[in-house]
Amino acid sequence: AVVAAIVAFGTGIVSAPQLQVSPGLG
């Protein structure tokens, strides 16, 4: 769960500048 969370964190940080932050991002 921790490893998956680290991957999720990295994914969210690099995707946000292009897709922007919203409840529907995930």
mmCIF file of all heavy atoms, coordinates in Angstrom:
data_MODEL
# 
_entry.id   MODEL 
# 
loop_
_atom_site.group_PDB 
_atom_site.id 
_atom_site.type_symbol 
_atom_site.label_atom_id 
_atom_site.label_alt_id 
_atom_site.label_comp_id 
_atom_site.label_asym_id 
_atom_site.label_entity_id 
_atom_site.label_seq_id 
_atom_site.pdbx_PDB_ins_code 
_atom_site.Cartn_x 
_atom_site.Cartn_y 
_atom_site.Cartn_z 
_atom_site.occupancy 
_atom_site.B_iso_or_equiv 
_atom_site.pdbx_formal_charge 
_atom_site.auth_seq_id 
_atom_site.auth_comp_id 
_atom_site.auth_asym_id 
_atom_site.auth_atom_id 
_atom_site.pdbx_PDB_model_num 
ATOM 1   N N   . ALA A 1 1  ? 0.832   -1.207 0.000   1.00 0.00 ? 1  ALA A N   1 
ATOM 2   C CA  . ALA A 1 1  ? 0.000   0.000  0.000   1.00 0.00 ? 1  ALA A CA  1 
ATOM 3   C C   . ALA A 1 1  ? 0.866   1.256  0.000   1.00 0.00 ? 1  ALA A C   1 
ATOM 4   O O   . ALA A 1 1  ? 0.551   2.241  -0.683  1.00 0.00 ? 1  ALA A O   1 
ATOM 5   C CB  . ALA A 1 1  ? -0.931  -0.006 1.212   1.00 0.00 ? 1  ALA A CB  1 
ATOM 6   N N   . VAL A 1 2  ? 1.970   1.237  0.746   1.00 0.00 ? 2  VAL A N   1 
ATOM 7   C CA  . VAL A 1 2  ? 2.877   2.392  0.789   1.00 0.00 ? 2  VAL A CA  1 
ATOM 8   C C   . VAL A 1 2  ? 3.547   2.591  -0.569  1.00 0.00 ? 2  VAL A C   1 
ATOM 9   O O   . VAL A 1 2  ? 3.628   3.721  -1.078  1.00 0.00 ? 2  VAL A O   1 
ATOM 10  C CB  . VAL A 1 2  ? 3.941   2.205  1.889   1.00 0.00 ? 2  VAL A CB  1 
ATOM 11  C CG1 . VAL A 1 2  ? 5.027   3.266  1.772   1.00 0.00 ? 2  VAL A CG1 1 
ATOM 12  C CG2 . VAL A 1 2  ? 3.284   2.270  3.266   1.00 0.00 ? 2  VAL A CG2 1 
ATOM 13  N N   . VAL A 1 3  ? 4.034   1.505  -1.176  1.00 0.00 ? 3  VAL A N   1 
ATOM 14  C CA  . VAL A 1 3  ? 4.688   1.613  -2.486  1.00 0.00 ? 3  VAL A CA  1 
ATOM 15  C C   . VAL A 1 3  ? 3.692   2.136  -3.525  1.00 0.00 ? 3  VAL A C   1 
ATOM 16  O O   . VAL A 1 3  ? 4.024   3.020  -4.334  1.00 0.00 ? 3  VAL A O   1 
ATOM 17  C CB  . VAL A 1 3  ? 5.264   0.255  -2.928  1.00 0.00 ? 3  VAL A CB  1 
ATOM 18  C CG1 . VAL A 1 3  ? 5.827   0.357  -4.348  1.00 0.00 ? 3  VAL A CG1 1 
ATOM 19  C CG2 . VAL A 1 3  ? 6.342   -0.200 -1.965  1.00 0.00 ? 3  VAL A CG2 1 
ATOM 20  N N   . ALA A 1 4  ? 2.475   1.600  -3.517  1.00 0.00 ? 4  ALA A N   1 
ATOM 21  C CA  . ALA A 1 4  ? 1.449   2.066  -4.457  1.00 0.00 ? 4  ALA A CA  1 
ATOM 22  C C   . ALA A 1 4  ? 1.127   3.541  -4.225  1.00 0.00 ? 4  ALA A C   1 
ATOM 23  O O   . ALA A 1 4  ? 0.891   4.299  -5.181  1.00 0.00 ? 4  ALA A O   1 
ATOM 24  C CB  . ALA A 1 4  ? 0.185   1.226  -4.310  1.00 0.00 ? 4  ALA A CB  1 
ATOM 25  N N   . ALA A 1 5  ? 1.142   3.965  -2.954  1.00 0.00 ? 5  ALA A N   1 
ATOM 26  C CA  . ALA A 1 5  ? 0.874   5.370  -2.634  1.00 0.00 ? 5  ALA A CA  1 
ATOM 27  C C   . ALA A 1 5  ? 1.991   6.273  -3.148  1.00 0.00 ? 5  ALA A C   1 
ATOM 28  O O   . ALA A 1 5  ? 1.730   7.384  -3.622  1.00 0.00 ? 5  ALA A O   1 
ATOM 29  C CB  . ALA A 1 5  ? 0.715   5.539  -1.126  1.00 0.00 ? 5  ALA A CB  1 
ATOM 30  N N   . ILE A 1 6  ? 3.228   5.816  -3.064  1.00 0.00 ? 6  ILE A N   1 
ATOM 31  C CA  . ILE A 1 6  ? 4.361   6.598  -3.581  1.00 0.00 ? 6  ILE A CA  1 
ATOM 32  C C   . ILE A 1 6  ? 4.238   6.766  -5.097  1.00 0.00 ? 6  ILE A C   1 
ATOM 33  O O   . ILE A 1 6  ? 4.443   7.854  -5.643  1.00 0.00 ? 6  ILE A O   1 
ATOM 34  C CB  . ILE A 1 6  ? 5.694   5.928  -3.208  1.00 0.00 ? 6  ILE A CB  1 
ATOM 35  C CG1 . ILE A 1 6  ? 5.904   6.001  -1.700  1.00 0.00 ? 6  ILE A CG1 1 
ATOM 36  C CG2 . ILE A 1 6  ? 6.864   6.582  -3.944  1.00 0.00 ? 6  ILE A CG2 1 
ATOM 37  C CD1 . ILE A 1 6  ? 7.084   5.183  -1.200  1.00 0.00 ? 6  ILE A CD1 1 
ATOM 38  N N   . VAL A 1 7  ? 3.868   5.679  -5.778  1.00 0.00 ? 7  VAL A N   1 
ATOM 39  C CA  . VAL A 1 7  ? 3.642   5.765  -7.222  1.00 0.00 ? 7  VAL A CA  1 
ATOM 40  C C   . VAL A 1 7  ? 2.477   6.701  -7.520  1.00 0.00 ? 7  VAL A C   1 
ATOM 41  O O   . VAL A 1 7  ? 2.534   7.516  -8.457  1.00 0.00 ? 7  VAL A O   1 
ATOM 42  C CB  . VAL A 1 7  ? 3.384   4.365  -7.816  1.00 0.00 ? 7  VAL A CB  1 
ATOM 43  C CG1 . VAL A 1 7  ? 3.029   4.468  -9.302  1.00 0.00 ? 7  VAL A CG1 1 
ATOM 44  C CG2 . VAL A 1 7  ? 4.596   3.466  -7.627  1.00 0.00 ? 7  VAL A CG2 1 
ATOM 45  N N   . ALA A 1 8  ? 1.406   6.603  -6.730  1.00 0.00 ? 8  ALA A N   1 
ATOM 46  C CA  . ALA A 1 8  ? 0.253   7.489  -6.922  1.00 0.00 ? 8  ALA A CA  1 
ATOM 47  C C   . ALA A 1 8  ? 0.637   8.942  -6.713  1.00 0.00 ? 8  ALA A C   1 
ATOM 48  O O   . ALA A 1 8  ? 0.191   9.827  -7.460  1.00 0.00 ? 8  ALA A O   1 
ATOM 49  C CB  . ALA A 1 8  ? -0.871  7.095  -5.951  1.00 0.00 ? 8  ALA A CB  1 
ATOM 50  N N   . PHE A 1 9  ? 1.462   9.205  -5.716  1.00 0.00 ? 9  PHE A N   1 
ATOM 51  C CA  . PHE A 1 9  ? 1.899   10.574 -5.452  1.00 0.00 ? 9  PHE A CA  1 
ATOM 52  C C   . PHE A 1 9  ? 2.675   11.126 -6.648  1.00 0.00 ? 9  PHE A C   1 
ATOM 53  O O   . PHE A 1 9  ? 2.410   12.237 -7.120  1.00 0.00 ? 9  PHE A O   1 
ATOM 54  C CB  . PHE A 1 9  ? 2.769   10.611 -4.198  1.00 0.00 ? 9  PHE A CB  1 
ATOM 55  C CG  . PHE A 1 9  ? 3.291   11.991 -3.883  1.00 0.00 ? 9  PHE A CG  1 
ATOM 56  C CD1 . PHE A 1 9  ? 2.477   12.934 -3.273  1.00 0.00 ? 9  PHE A CD1 1 
ATOM 57  C CD2 . PHE A 1 9  ? 4.593   12.348 -4.208  1.00 0.00 ? 9  PHE A CD2 1 
ATOM 58  C CE1 . PHE A 1 9  ? 2.949   14.206 -2.985  1.00 0.00 ? 9  PHE A CE1 1 
ATOM 59  C CE2 . PHE A 1 9  ? 5.078   13.616 -3.926  1.00 0.00 ? 9  PHE A CE2 1 
ATOM 60  C CZ  . PHE A 1 9  ? 4.243   14.547 -3.321  1.00 0.00 ? 9  PHE A CZ  1 
ATOM 61  N N   . GLY A 1 10 ? 3.633   10.353 -7.135  1.00 0.00 ? 10 GLY A N   1 
ATOM 62  C CA  . GLY A 1 10 ? 4.397   10.794 -8.296  1.00 0.00 ? 10 GLY A CA  1 
ATOM 63  C C   . GLY A 1 10 ? 3.517   11.019 -9.506  1.00 0.00 ? 10 GLY A C   1 
ATOM 64  O O   . GLY A 1 10 ? 3.682   12.006 -10.247 1.00 0.00 ? 10 GLY A O   1 
ATOM 65  N N   . THR A 1 11 ? 2.552   10.126 -9.712  1.00 0.00 ? 11 THR A N   1 
ATOM 66  C CA  . THR A 1 11 ? 1.630   10.255 -10.842 1.00 0.00 ? 11 THR A CA  1 
ATOM 67  C C   . THR A 1 11 ? 0.807   11.529 -10.732 1.00 0.00 ? 11 THR A C   1 
ATOM 68  O O   . THR A 1 11 ? 0.638   12.267 -11.711 1.00 0.00 ? 11 THR A O   1 
ATOM 69  C CB  . THR A 1 11 ? 0.690   9.041  -10.906 1.00 0.00 ? 11 THR A CB  1 
ATOM 70  O OG1 . THR A 1 11 ? 1.452   7.835  -10.878 1.00 0.00 ? 11 THR A OG1 1 
ATOM 71  C CG2 . THR A 1 11 ? -0.144  9.071  -12.178 1.00 0.00 ? 11 THR A CG2 1 
ATOM 72  N N   . GLY A 1 12 ? 0.291   11.783 -9.544  1.00 0.00 ? 12 GLY A N   1 
ATOM 73  C CA  . GLY A 1 12 ? -0.538  12.972 -9.355  1.00 0.00 ? 12 GLY A CA  1 
ATOM 74  C C   . GLY A 1 12 ? 0.223   14.261 -9.559  1.00 0.00 ? 12 GLY A C   1 
ATOM 75  O O   . GLY A 1 12 ? -0.279  15.212 -10.187 1.00 0.00 ? 12 GLY A O   1 
ATOM 76  N N   . ILE A 1 13 ? 1.465   14.313 -9.081  1.00 0.00 ? 13 ILE A N   1 
ATOM 77  C CA  . ILE A 1 13 ? 2.263   15.537 -9.186  1.00 0.00 ? 13 ILE A CA  1 
ATOM 78  C C   . ILE A 1 13 ? 2.605   15.850 -10.637 1.00 0.00 ? 13 ILE A C   1 
ATOM 79  O O   . ILE A 1 13 ? 2.544   17.005 -11.068 1.00 0.00 ? 13 ILE A O   1 
ATOM 80  C CB  . ILE A 1 13 ? 3.541   15.424 -8.338  1.00 0.00 ? 13 ILE A CB  1 
ATOM 81  C CG1 . ILE A 1 13 ? 3.195   15.342 -6.847  1.00 0.00 ? 13 ILE A CG1 1 
ATOM 82  C CG2 . ILE A 1 13 ? 4.468   16.609 -8.601  1.00 0.00 ? 13 ILE A CG2 1 
ATOM 83  C CD1 . ILE A 1 13 ? 2.442   16.537 -6.308  1.00 0.00 ? 13 ILE A CD1 1 
ATOM 84  N N   . VAL A 1 14 ? 2.970   14.838 -11.433 1.00 0.00 ? 14 VAL A N   1 
ATOM 85  C CA  . VAL A 1 14 ? 3.374   15.110 -12.819 1.00 0.00 ? 14 VAL A CA  1 
ATOM 86  C C   . VAL A 1 14 ? 2.186   15.285 -13.755 1.00 0.00 ? 14 VAL A C   1 
ATOM 87  O O   . VAL A 1 14 ? 2.311   15.905 -14.810 1.00 0.00 ? 14 VAL A O   1 
ATOM 88  C CB  . VAL A 1 14 ? 4.309   14.007 -13.359 1.00 0.00 ? 14 VAL A CB  1 
ATOM 89  C CG1 . VAL A 1 14 ? 5.573   13.927 -12.523 1.00 0.00 ? 14 VAL A CG1 1 
ATOM 90  C CG2 . VAL A 1 14 ? 3.626   12.657 -13.425 1.00 0.00 ? 14 VAL A CG2 1 
ATOM 91  N N   . SER A 1 15 ? 1.021   14.760 -13.369 1.00 0.00 ? 15 SER A N   1 
ATOM 92  C CA  . SER A 1 15 ? -0.155  14.904 -14.233 1.00 0.00 ? 15 SER A CA  1 
ATOM 93  C C   . SER A 1 15 ? -0.885  16.220 -14.009 1.00 0.00 ? 15 SER A C   1 
ATOM 94  O O   . SER A 1 15 ? -1.533  16.740 -14.926 1.00 0.00 ? 15 SER A O   1 
ATOM 95  C CB  . SER A 1 15 ? -1.128  13.744 -13.996 1.00 0.00 ? 15 SER A CB  1 
ATOM 96  O OG  . SER A 1 15 ? -1.675  13.787 -12.684 1.00 0.00 ? 15 SER A OG  1 
ATOM 97  N N   . ALA A 1 16 ? -0.787  16.768 -12.805 1.00 0.00 ? 16 ALA A N   1 
ATOM 98  C CA  . ALA A 1 16 ? -1.564  17.955 -12.440 1.00 0.00 ? 16 ALA A CA  1 
ATOM 99  C C   . ALA A 1 16 ? -1.296  19.195 -13.295 1.00 0.00 ? 16 ALA A C   1 
ATOM 100 O O   . ALA A 1 16 ? -2.234  19.918 -13.628 1.00 0.00 ? 16 ALA A O   1 
ATOM 101 C CB  . ALA A 1 16 ? -1.354  18.279 -10.954 1.00 0.00 ? 16 ALA A CB  1 
ATOM 102 N N   . PRO A 1 17 ? -0.023  19.492 -13.672 1.00 0.00 ? 17 PRO A N   1 
ATOM 103 C CA  . PRO A 1 17 ? 0.191   20.698 -14.468 1.00 0.00 ? 17 PRO A CA  1 
ATOM 104 C C   . PRO A 1 17 ? -0.544  20.686 -15.799 1.00 0.00 ? 17 PRO A C   1 
ATOM 105 O O   . PRO A 1 17 ? -0.968  21.728 -16.297 1.00 0.00 ? 17 PRO A O   1 
ATOM 106 C CB  . PRO A 1 17 ? 1.713   20.703 -14.688 1.00 0.00 ? 17 PRO A CB  1 
ATOM 107 C CG  . PRO A 1 17 ? 2.258   19.925 -13.552 1.00 0.00 ? 17 PRO A CG  1 
ATOM 108 C CD  . PRO A 1 17 ? 1.247   18.854 -13.294 1.00 0.00 ? 17 PRO A CD  1 
ATOM 109 N N   . GLN A 1 18 ? -0.721  19.504 -16.376 1.00 0.00 ? 18 GLN A N   1 
ATOM 110 C CA  . GLN A 1 18 ? -1.375  19.404 -17.677 1.00 0.00 ? 18 GLN A CA  1 
ATOM 111 C C   . GLN A 1 18 ? -2.883  19.234 -17.538 1.00 0.00 ? 18 GLN A C   1 
ATOM 112 O O   . GLN A 1 18 ? -3.655  19.829 -18.297 1.00 0.00 ? 18 GLN A O   1 
ATOM 113 C CB  . GLN A 1 18 ? -0.788  18.222 -18.455 1.00 0.00 ? 18 GLN A CB  1 
ATOM 114 C CG  . GLN A 1 18 ? -1.275  18.106 -19.889 1.00 0.00 ? 18 GLN A CG  1 
ATOM 115 C CD  . GLN A 1 18 ? -0.513  17.039 -20.653 1.00 0.00 ? 18 GLN A CD  1 
ATOM 116 O OE1 . GLN A 1 18 ? 0.275   16.292 -20.090 1.00 0.00 ? 18 GLN A OE1 1 
ATOM 117 N NE2 . GLN A 1 18 ? -0.743  16.962 -21.949 1.00 0.00 ? 18 GLN A NE2 1 
ATOM 118 N N   . LEU A 1 19 ? -3.321  18.427 -16.583 1.00 0.00 ? 19 LEU A N   1 
ATOM 119 C CA  . LEU A 1 19 ? -4.743  18.121 -16.443 1.00 0.00 ? 19 LEU A CA  1 
ATOM 120 C C   . LEU A 1 19 ? -5.453  19.007 -15.433 1.00 0.00 ? 19 LEU A C   1 
ATOM 121 O O   . LEU A 1 19 ? -6.668  19.011 -15.368 1.00 0.00 ? 19 LEU A O   1 
ATOM 122 C CB  . LEU A 1 19 ? -4.911  16.647 -16.048 1.00 0.00 ? 19 LEU A CB  1 
ATOM 123 C CG  . LEU A 1 19 ? -4.313  15.624 -17.023 1.00 0.00 ? 19 LEU A CG  1 
ATOM 124 C CD1 . LEU A 1 19 ? -4.514  14.218 -16.496 1.00 0.00 ? 19 LEU A CD1 1 
ATOM 125 C CD2 . LEU A 1 19 ? -4.920  15.772 -18.408 1.00 0.00 ? 19 LEU A CD2 1 
ATOM 126 N N   . GLN A 1 20 ? -4.683  19.724 -14.606 1.00 0.00 ? 20 GLN A N   1 
ATOM 127 C CA  . GLN A 1 20 ? -5.176  20.576 -13.540 1.00 0.00 ? 20 GLN A CA  1 
ATOM 128 C C   . GLN A 1 20 ? -5.785  19.744 -12.405 1.00 0.00 ? 20 GLN A C   1 
ATOM 129 O O   . GLN A 1 20 ? -5.981  18.534 -12.525 1.00 0.00 ? 20 GLN A O   1 
ATOM 130 C CB  . GLN A 1 20 ? -6.165  21.614 -14.062 1.00 0.00 ? 20 GLN A CB  1 
ATOM 131 C CG  . GLN A 1 20 ? -5.548  22.556 -15.115 1.00 0.00 ? 20 GLN A CG  1 
ATOM 132 C CD  . GLN A 1 20 ? -6.432  23.719 -15.449 1.00 0.00 ? 20 GLN A CD  1 
ATOM 133 O OE1 . GLN A 1 20 ? -7.651  23.599 -15.526 1.00 0.00 ? 20 GLN A OE1 1 
ATOM 134 N NE2 . GLN A 1 20 ? -5.828  24.882 -15.645 1.00 0.00 ? 20 GLN A NE2 1 
ATOM 135 N N   . VAL A 1 21 ? -6.055  20.418 -11.305 1.00 0.00 ? 21 VAL A N   1 
ATOM 136 C CA  . VAL A 1 21 ? -6.482  19.728 -10.084 1.00 0.00 ? 21 VAL A CA  1 
ATOM 137 C C   . VAL A 1 21 ? -7.990  19.880 -9.923  1.00 0.00 ? 21 VAL A C   1 
ATOM 138 O O   . VAL A 1 21 ? -8.516  20.991 -9.879  1.00 0.00 ? 21 VAL A O   1 
ATOM 139 C CB  . VAL A 1 21 ? -5.766  20.304 -8.842  1.00 0.00 ? 21 VAL A CB  1 
ATOM 140 C CG1 . VAL A 1 21 ? -6.188  19.557 -7.590  1.00 0.00 ? 21 VAL A CG1 1 
ATOM 141 C CG2 . VAL A 1 21 ? -4.256  20.220 -9.026  1.00 0.00 ? 21 VAL A CG2 1 
ATOM 142 N N   . SER A 1 22 ? -8.662  18.755 -9.830  1.00 0.00 ? 22 SER A N   1 
ATOM 143 C CA  . SER A 1 22 ? -10.122 18.761 -9.634  1.00 0.00 ? 22 SER A CA  1 
ATOM 144 C C   . SER A 1 22 ? -10.536 17.432 -9.035  1.00 0.00 ? 22 SER A C   1 
ATOM 145 O O   . SER A 1 22 ? -9.780  16.448 -9.096  1.00 0.00 ? 22 SER A O   1 
ATOM 146 C CB  . SER A 1 22 ? -10.844 18.977 -10.967 1.00 0.00 ? 22 SER A CB  1 
ATOM 147 O OG  . SER A 1 22 ? -10.724 17.822 -11.785 1.00 0.00 ? 22 SER A OG  1 
ATOM 148 N N   . PRO A 1 23 ? -11.731 17.355 -8.452  1.00 0.00 ? 23 PRO A N   1 
ATOM 149 C CA  . PRO A 1 23 ? -12.197 16.075 -7.898  1.00 0.00 ? 23 PRO A CA  1 
ATOM 150 C C   . PRO A 1 23 ? -12.298 14.973 -8.944  1.00 0.00 ? 23 PRO A C   1 
ATOM 151 O O   . PRO A 1 23 ? -12.256 13.788 -8.608  1.00 0.00 ? 23 PRO A O   1 
ATOM 152 C CB  . PRO A 1 23 ? -13.586 16.427 -7.338  1.00 0.00 ? 23 PRO A CB  1 
ATOM 153 C CG  . PRO A 1 23 ? -13.509 17.894 -7.038  1.00 0.00 ? 23 PRO A CG  1 
ATOM 154 C CD  . PRO A 1 23 ? -12.650 18.466 -8.118  1.00 0.00 ? 23 PRO A CD  1 
ATOM 155 N N   . GLY A 1 24 ? -12.417 15.332 -10.222 1.00 0.00 ? 24 GLY A N   1 
ATOM 156 C CA  . GLY A 1 24 ? -12.535 14.327 -11.266 1.00 0.00 ? 24 GLY A CA  1 
ATOM 157 C C   . GLY A 1 24 ? -11.217 13.841 -11.830 1.00 0.00 ? 24 GLY A C   1 
ATOM 158 O O   . GLY A 1 24 ? -11.201 12.939 -12.682 1.00 0.00 ? 24 GLY A O   1 
ATOM 159 N N   . LEU A 1 25 ? -10.101 14.401 -11.376 1.00 0.00 ? 25 LEU A N   1 
ATOM 160 C CA  . LEU A 1 25 ? -8.795  14.022 -11.909 1.00 0.00 ? 25 LEU A CA  1 
ATOM 161 C C   . LEU A 1 25 ? -8.520  12.540 -11.711 1.00 0.00 ? 25 LEU A C   1 
ATOM 162 O O   . LEU A 1 25 ? -8.073  11.850 -12.633 1.00 0.00 ? 25 LEU A O   1 
ATOM 163 C CB  . LEU A 1 25 ? -7.699  14.858 -11.232 1.00 0.00 ? 25 LEU A CB  1 
ATOM 164 C CG  . LEU A 1 25 ? -6.250  14.464 -11.549 1.00 0.00 ? 25 LEU A CG  1 
ATOM 165 C CD1 . LEU A 1 25 ? -5.960  14.668 -13.032 1.00 0.00 ? 25 LEU A CD1 1 
ATOM 166 C CD2 . LEU A 1 25 ? -5.272  15.279 -10.702 1.00 0.00 ? 25 LEU A CD2 1 
ATOM 167 N N   . GLY A 1 26 ? -8.791  12.038 -10.530 1.00 0.00 ? 26 GLY A N   1 
ATOM 168 C CA  . GLY A 1 26 ? -8.480  10.653 -10.224 1.00 0.00 ? 26 GLY A CA  1 
ATOM 169 C C   . GLY A 1 26 ? -9.282  9.672  -11.058 1.00 0.00 ? 26 GLY A C   1 
ATOM 170 O O   . GLY A 1 26 ? -8.746  8.693  -11.576 1.00 0.00 ? 26 GLY A O   1 
# 
